Amino acid sequence: MSRGKRILVPEAQENLDKFKEEVSNDIGIGIVNSYQDNNPKPLNEVIATSGQVGGEMVKRMVAEYEKKLI
């Protein structure tokens, strides 16, 4: 597993995948598997869009946590 992709709670994997798909659809990107042979996007575009999805996921998680603090 690559650095930064370690799941601390393996039982959360399915929900994290659903969250990732929801966020990517919300921002109009859609999930792209860069390992598919028929992937129409160049790898550098896949990396850029995955960064956008990850950033948005973190932003939403922080906002949710902040709501719980109030």
C-alpha atoms as a PDB file:
ATOM      1  CA  MET A   1       0.000   0.000   0.000  1.00  0.00           C
ATOM      2  CA  SER A   2       1.342   3.429  -0.867  1.00  0.00           C
ATOM      3  CA  ARG A   3       2.201   6.092   1.671  1.00  0.00           C
ATOM      4  CA  GLY A   4      -0.866   8.062   2.794  1.00  0.00           C
ATOM      5  CA  LYS A   5      -3.412   5.435   1.750  1.00  0.00           C
ATOM      6  CA  ARG A   6      -3.339   3.385   4.928  1.00  0.00           C
ATOM      7  CA  ILE A   7      -6.838   2.768   6.261  1.00  0.00           C
ATOM      8  CA  LEU A   8      -6.738   3.079  10.043  1.00  0.00           C
ATOM      9  CA  VAL A   9     -10.102   1.323  10.463  1.00  0.00           C
ATOM     10  CA  PRO A  10     -10.379  -1.390   7.773  1.00  0.00           C
ATOM     11  CA  GLU A  11     -14.097  -1.815   8.511  1.00  0.00           C
ATOM     12  CA  ALA A  12     -14.614   1.738   7.192  1.00  0.00           C
ATOM     13  CA  GLN A  13     -13.337   0.917   3.676  1.00  0.00           C
ATOM     14  CA  GLU A  14     -16.793   0.383   2.150  1.00  0.00           C
ATOM     15  CA  ASN A  15     -18.165   3.619   3.586  1.00  0.00           C
ATOM     16  CA  LEU A  16     -15.071   5.535   2.503  1.00  0.00           C
ATOM     17  CA  ASP A  17     -15.525   4.221  -1.043  1.00  0.00           C
ATOM     18  CA  LYS A  18     -19.165   5.335  -1.032  1.00  0.00           C
ATOM     19  CA  PHE A  19     -18.164   8.754   0.302  1.00  0.00           C
ATOM     20  CA  LYS A  20     -15.497   9.101  -2.380  1.00  0.00           C
ATOM     21  CA  GLU A  21     -18.020   8.255  -5.093  1.00  0.00           C
ATOM     22  CA  GLU A  22     -20.575  10.701  -3.659  1.00  0.00           C
ATOM     23  CA  VAL A  23     -18.054  13.551  -3.514  1.00  0.00           C
ATOM     24  CA  SER A  24     -16.705  12.882  -7.002  1.00  0.00           C
ATOM     25  CA  ASN A  25     -20.241  12.883  -8.420  1.00  0.00           C
ATOM     26  CA  ASP A  26     -21.089  16.092  -6.525  1.00  0.00           C
ATOM     27  CA  ILE A  27     -18.149  17.932  -8.058  1.00  0.00           C
ATOM     28  CA  GLY A  28     -18.792  16.433 -11.492  1.00  0.00           C
ATOM     29  CA  ILE A  29     -15.752  14.222 -11.849  1.00  0.00           C
ATOM     30  CA  GLY A  30     -16.885  10.634 -11.390  1.00  0.00           C
ATOM     31  CA  ILE A  31     -14.609   7.834 -10.213  1.00  0.00           C
ATOM     32  CA  VAL A  32     -11.855   6.878 -12.639  1.00  0.00           C
ATOM     33  CA  ASN A  33      -9.839   3.707 -12.239  1.00  0.00           C
ATOM     34  CA  SER A  34      -6.443   4.565 -13.715  1.00  0.00           C
ATOM     35  CA  TYR A  35      -5.580   0.878 -13.983  1.00  0.00           C
ATOM     36  CA  GLN A  36      -8.276   0.048 -16.497  1.00  0.00           C
ATOM     37  CA  ASP A  37      -6.983  -0.667 -20.003  1.00  0.00           C
ATOM     38  CA  ASN A  38      -9.819   1.308 -21.561  1.00  0.00           C
ATOM     39  CA  ASN A  39      -9.325   4.385 -19.365  1.00  0.00           C
ATOM     40  CA  PRO A  40      -9.793   7.364 -21.722  1.00  0.00           C
ATOM     41  CA  LYS A  41      -8.105   9.897 -19.405  1.00  0.00           C
ATOM     42  CA  PRO A  42      -4.347  10.425 -19.271  1.00  0.00           C
ATOM     43  CA  LEU A  43      -2.784   9.489 -15.942  1.00  0.00           C
ATOM     44  CA  ASN A  44      -1.821  13.091 -15.070  1.00  0.00           C
ATOM     45  CA  GLU A  45      -5.497  14.101 -15.385  1.00  0.00           C
ATOM     46  CA  VAL A  46      -6.560  11.180 -13.180  1.00  0.00           C
ATOM     47  CA  ILE A  47      -4.045  12.231 -10.526  1.00  0.00           C
ATOM     48  CA  ALA A  48      -5.205  15.861 -10.631  1.00  0.00           C
ATOM     49  CA  THR A  49      -8.881  14.956 -10.309  1.00  0.00           C
ATOM     50  CA  SER A  50      -8.250  12.462  -7.527  1.00  0.00           C
ATOM     51  CA  GLY A  51      -6.540  15.262  -5.601  1.00  0.00           C
ATOM     52  CA  GLN A  52      -9.643  17.395  -5.998  1.00  0.00           C
ATOM     53  CA  VAL A  53     -11.830  14.574  -4.687  1.00  0.00           C
ATOM     54  CA  GLY A  54      -9.538  13.917  -1.720  1.00  0.00           C
ATOM     55  CA  GLY A  55      -9.369  17.604  -0.848  1.00  0.00           C
ATOM     56  CA  GLU A  56     -13.139  17.932  -0.934  1.00  0.00           C
ATOM     57  CA  MET A  57     -13.527  14.809   1.211  1.00  0.00           C
ATOM     58  CA  VAL A  58     -11.227  16.270   3.868  1.00  0.00           C
ATOM     59  CA  LYS A  59     -13.053  19.605   3.749  1.00  0.00           C
ATOM     60  CA  ARG A  60     -16.411  17.887   4.323  1.00  0.00           C
ATOM     61  CA  MET A  61     -15.070  15.695   7.130  1.00  0.00           C
ATOM     62  CA  VAL A  62     -13.612  18.706   8.944  1.00  0.00           C
ATOM     63  CA  ALA A  63     -16.880  20.634   8.550  1.00  0.00           C
ATOM     64  CA  GLU A  64     -18.844  17.688   9.958  1.00  0.00           C
ATOM     65  CA  TYR A  65     -16.489  17.415  12.934  1.00  0.00           C
ATOM     66  CA  GLU A  66     -16.712  21.158  13.590  1.00  0.00           C
ATOM     67  CA  LYS A  67     -20.528  20.893  13.684  1.00  0.00           C
ATOM     68  CA  LYS A  68     -20.237  18.203  16.363  1.00  0.00           C
ATOM     69  CA  LEU A  69     -18.025  20.481  18.486  1.00  0.00           C
ATOM     70  CA  ILE A  70     -20.725  23.144  18.757  1.00  0.00           C
END
